[in-house]
Amino acid sequence: QVQLVESGGGLVRPGGSLSLSCAASGPVFSINDAGWYRQAPGKERELVASSTRGGASTNYADSVKGRFTISTDHSKKTVYLQMTKIEPEDTAVYYCNAQGMTRTLTEFGSWGQGTQVTVSS
């Protein structure tokens, strides 16, 4: 079973930067599509960044465009979210989702457990 573990969250000042990681473990052969979502208190989970075709195509929510970057290191089976020019509105629990193929060539789709990002001065 493929599991995703996020890390890198924490407390950051407005205007700062943070890098989130989402490491896939288990029988992962490839990560084809990935996404970073976030859920702020009292709000629904929203997609902030997505990557398809192994990272060849990326898309971002308007609220993070130009500030966040999603990338995939296929050798490490890890998806990253580089966050810059962080704003208080970015405070949320961040979740990663990845879909791909296992070594037995079956498809997988998994979610991480979430990592808290808190923006405060």
C-alpha atoms as a PDB file:
ATOM      1  CA  GLN A   1       0.000   0.000   0.000  1.00  0.00           C
ATOM      2  CA  VAL A   2       1.341   3.396  -0.955  1.00  0.00           C
ATOM      3  CA  GLN A   3       1.506   5.908   1.855  1.00  0.00           C
ATOM      4  CA  LEU A   4       2.201   9.623   1.694  1.00  0.00           C
ATOM      5  CA  VAL A   5       3.873  11.498   4.516  1.00  0.00           C
ATOM      6  CA  GLU A   6       3.957  15.287   4.505  1.00  0.00           C
ATOM      7  CA  SER A   7       6.528  17.352   6.331  1.00  0.00           C
ATOM      8  CA  GLY A   8       7.844  20.885   6.443  1.00  0.00           C
ATOM      9  CA  GLY A   9       4.910  22.711   7.959  1.00  0.00           C
ATOM     10  CA  GLY A  10       5.261  25.110  10.840  1.00  0.00           C
ATOM     11  CA  LEU A  11       5.061  28.712  11.916  1.00  0.00           C
ATOM     12  CA  VAL A  12       6.205  31.320   9.416  1.00  0.00           C
ATOM     13  CA  ARG A  13       6.097  35.114   9.314  1.00  0.00           C
ATOM     14  CA  PRO A  14       4.209  36.953   6.589  1.00  0.00           C
ATOM     15  CA  GLY A  15       6.420  37.400   3.584  1.00  0.00           C
ATOM     16  CA  GLY A  16       8.464  34.351   4.468  1.00  0.00           C
ATOM     17  CA  SER A  17       9.029  31.064   2.682  1.00  0.00           C
ATOM     18  CA  LEU A  18       8.364  27.442   3.473  1.00  0.00           C
ATOM     19  CA  SER A  19       8.906  24.192   1.643  1.00  0.00           C
ATOM     20  CA  LEU A  20       6.537  21.285   2.102  1.00  0.00           C
ATOM     21  CA  SER A  21       7.466  17.732   1.197  1.00  0.00           C
ATOM     22  CA  CYS A  22       5.269  14.739   0.482  1.00  0.00           C
ATOM     23  CA  ALA A  23       7.201  11.486   0.437  1.00  0.00           C
ATOM     24  CA  ALA A  24       5.640   8.363  -1.010  1.00  0.00           C
ATOM     25  CA  SER A  25       6.557   5.034   0.509  1.00  0.00           C
ATOM     26  CA  GLY A  26       5.673   1.495  -0.419  1.00  0.00           C
ATOM     27  CA  PRO A  27       5.632  -0.160  -3.826  1.00  0.00           C
ATOM     28  CA  VAL A  28       5.712   3.054  -5.846  1.00  0.00           C
ATOM     29  CA  PHE A  29       6.787   2.760  -9.449  1.00  0.00           C
ATOM     30  CA  SER A  30       5.816   6.212 -10.629  1.00  0.00           C
ATOM     31  CA  ILE A  31       3.976   9.335  -9.561  1.00  0.00           C
ATOM     32  CA  ASN A  32       1.962  10.618 -12.488  1.00  0.00           C
ATOM     33  CA  ASP A  33      -0.315  13.234 -10.976  1.00  0.00           C
ATOM     34  CA  ALA A  34      -0.078  15.112  -7.709  1.00  0.00           C
ATOM     35  CA  GLY A  35      -1.819  17.896  -5.927  1.00  0.00           C
ATOM     36  CA  TRP A  36      -1.500  20.036  -2.848  1.00  0.00           C
ATOM     37  CA  TYR A  37      -4.713  20.978  -1.082  1.00  0.00           C
ATOM     38  CA  ARG A  38      -5.354  23.066   1.969  1.00  0.00           C
ATOM     39  CA  GLN A  39      -8.137  23.453   4.469  1.00  0.00           C
ATOM     40  CA  ALA A  40      -8.436  26.471   6.693  1.00  0.00           C
ATOM     41  CA  PRO A  41     -10.620  26.447   9.816  1.00  0.00           C
ATOM     42  CA  GLY A  42     -14.267  26.678   8.887  1.00  0.00           C
ATOM     43  CA  LYS A  43     -13.561  26.374   5.189  1.00  0.00           C
ATOM     44  CA  GLU A  44     -13.723  23.606   2.654  1.00  0.00           C
ATOM     45  CA  ARG A  45     -10.629  21.899   1.342  1.00  0.00           C
ATOM     46  CA  GLU A  46      -9.334  23.634  -1.770  1.00  0.00           C
ATOM     47  CA  LEU A  47      -6.839  22.686  -4.429  1.00  0.00           C
ATOM     48  CA  VAL A  48      -3.890  25.073  -4.496  1.00  0.00           C
ATOM     49  CA  ALA A  49      -1.507  23.387  -6.903  1.00  0.00           C
ATOM     50  CA  SER A  50      -1.579  20.389  -9.195  1.00  0.00           C
ATOM     51  CA  SER A  51       0.856  18.548 -11.362  1.00  0.00           C
ATOM     52  CA  THR A  52      -0.002  16.172 -14.189  1.00  0.00           C
ATOM     53  CA  ARG A  53       1.889  14.056 -16.701  1.00  0.00           C
ATOM     54  CA  GLY A  54       4.702  13.459 -14.272  1.00  0.00           C
ATOM     55  CA  GLY A  55       5.156  17.138 -13.634  1.00  0.00           C
ATOM     56  CA  ALA A  56       5.141  18.297 -17.230  1.00  0.00           C
ATOM     57  CA  SER A  57       2.025  20.365 -16.599  1.00  0.00           C
ATOM     58  CA  THR A  58       1.198  22.396 -13.509  1.00  0.00           C
ATOM     59  CA  ASN A  59      -1.738  24.517 -12.425  1.00  0.00           C
ATOM     60  CA  TYR A  60      -2.288  26.852  -9.519  1.00  0.00           C
ATOM     61  CA  ALA A  61      -5.156  28.501  -7.728  1.00  0.00           C
ATOM     62  CA  ASP A  62      -5.291  32.209  -8.448  1.00  0.00           C
ATOM     63  CA  SER A  63      -4.608  32.958  -4.791  1.00  0.00           C
ATOM     64  CA  VAL A  64      -1.176  31.313  -4.917  1.00  0.00           C
ATOM     65  CA  LYS A  65      -0.155  31.835  -8.531  1.00  0.00           C
ATOM     66  CA  GLY A  66       3.304  33.316  -8.744  1.00  0.00           C
ATOM     67  CA  ARG A  67       4.036  32.479  -5.089  1.00  0.00           C
ATOM     68  CA  PHE A  68       3.804  28.672  -4.846  1.00  0.00           C
ATOM     69  CA  THR A  69       5.555  26.062  -6.966  1.00  0.00           C
ATOM     70  CA  ILE A  70       4.751  22.358  -7.143  1.00  0.00           C
ATOM     71  CA  SER A  71       7.408  19.933  -8.274  1.00  0.00           C
ATOM     72  CA  THR A  72       8.128  16.203  -8.245  1.00  0.00           C
ATOM     73  CA  ASP A  73      11.430  14.442  -7.680  1.00  0.00           C
ATOM     74  CA  HIS A  74      10.787  11.091  -9.302  1.00  0.00           C
ATOM     75  CA  SER A  75      13.986   9.540  -8.022  1.00  0.00           C
ATOM     76  CA  LYS A  76      12.960  10.313  -4.445  1.00  0.00           C
ATOM     77  CA  LYS A  77       9.234   9.675  -5.041  1.00  0.00           C
ATOM     78  CA  THR A  78       8.583  13.018  -3.374  1.00  0.00           C
ATOM     79  CA  VAL A  79       6.309  15.910  -4.254  1.00  0.00           C
ATOM     80  CA  TYR A  80       7.206  19.391  -3.068  1.00  0.00           C
ATOM     81  CA  LEU A  81       5.356  22.637  -2.568  1.00  0.00           C
ATOM     82  CA  GLN A  82       7.633  25.635  -2.416  1.00  0.00           C
ATOM     83  CA  MET A  83       5.810  28.527  -0.779  1.00  0.00           C
ATOM     84  CA  THR A  84       7.100  32.097  -1.024  1.00  0.00           C
ATOM     85  CA  LYS A  85       5.730  35.531  -0.138  1.00  0.00           C
ATOM     86  CA  ILE A  86       3.509  33.778   2.365  1.00  0.00           C
ATOM     87  CA  GLU A  87       0.383  35.591   3.491  1.00  0.00           C
ATOM     88  CA  PRO A  88      -1.759  35.176   6.633  1.00  0.00           C
ATOM     89  CA  GLU A  89      -4.496  33.786   4.392  1.00  0.00           C
ATOM     90  CA  ASP A  90      -2.227  30.840   3.631  1.00  0.00           C
ATOM     91  CA  THR A  91      -2.754  29.517   7.147  1.00  0.00           C
ATOM     92  CA  ALA A  92      -4.255  26.040   6.809  1.00  0.00           C
ATOM     93  CA  VAL A  93      -3.611  22.333   7.018  1.00  0.00           C
ATOM     94  CA  TYR A  94      -1.928  21.299   3.795  1.00  0.00           C
ATOM     95  CA  TYR A  95      -2.569  17.868   2.298  1.00  0.00           C
ATOM     96  CA  CYS A  96      -0.910  16.173  -0.613  1.00  0.00           C
ATOM     97  CA  ASN A  97      -2.511  13.739  -2.997  1.00  0.00           C
ATOM     98  CA  ALA A  98      -0.650  11.568  -5.442  1.00  0.00           C
ATOM     99  CA  GLN A  99      -1.715   9.129  -8.121  1.00  0.00           C
ATOM    100  CA  GLY A 100       0.461   6.790 -10.057  1.00  0.00           C
ATOM    101  CA  MET A 101       1.499   3.222 -10.628  1.00  0.00           C
ATOM    102  CA  THR A 102       2.838   0.601  -8.242  1.00  0.00           C
ATOM    103  CA  ARG A 103       5.625  -1.827  -9.072  1.00  0.00           C
ATOM    104  CA  THR A 104       2.969  -4.422  -9.879  1.00  0.00           C
ATOM    105  CA  LEU A 105       1.570  -1.938 -12.401  1.00  0.00           C
ATOM    106  CA  THR A 106      -1.619  -1.282 -10.528  1.00  0.00           C
ATOM    107  CA  GLU A 107      -2.868   2.239 -10.040  1.00  0.00           C
ATOM    108  CA  PHE A 108      -2.759   3.944  -6.689  1.00  0.00           C
ATOM    109  CA  GLY A 109      -4.213   7.119  -5.278  1.00  0.00           C
ATOM    110  CA  SER A 110      -3.283   8.240  -1.806  1.00  0.00           C
ATOM    111  CA  TRP A 111      -3.614  11.145   0.588  1.00  0.00           C
ATOM    112  CA  GLY A 112      -1.206  12.335   3.193  1.00  0.00           C
ATOM    113  CA  GLN A 113      -2.171  13.051   6.773  1.00  0.00           C
ATOM    114  CA  GLY A 114      -1.718  16.802   6.502  1.00  0.00           C
ATOM    115  CA  THR A 115       0.775  19.322   7.818  1.00  0.00           C
ATOM    116  CA  GLN A 116      -0.114  22.565   9.555  1.00  0.00           C
ATOM    117  CA  VAL A 117       1.097  25.882   8.180  1.00  0.00           C
ATOM    118  CA  THR A 118       0.510  28.880  10.417  1.00  0.00           C
ATOM    119  CA  VAL A 119       1.329  32.389   9.250  1.00  0.00           C
ATOM    120  CA  SER A 120       1.752  34.903  12.030  1.00  0.00           C
ATOM    121  CA  SER A 121       3.991  37.783  12.959  1.00  0.00           C
END
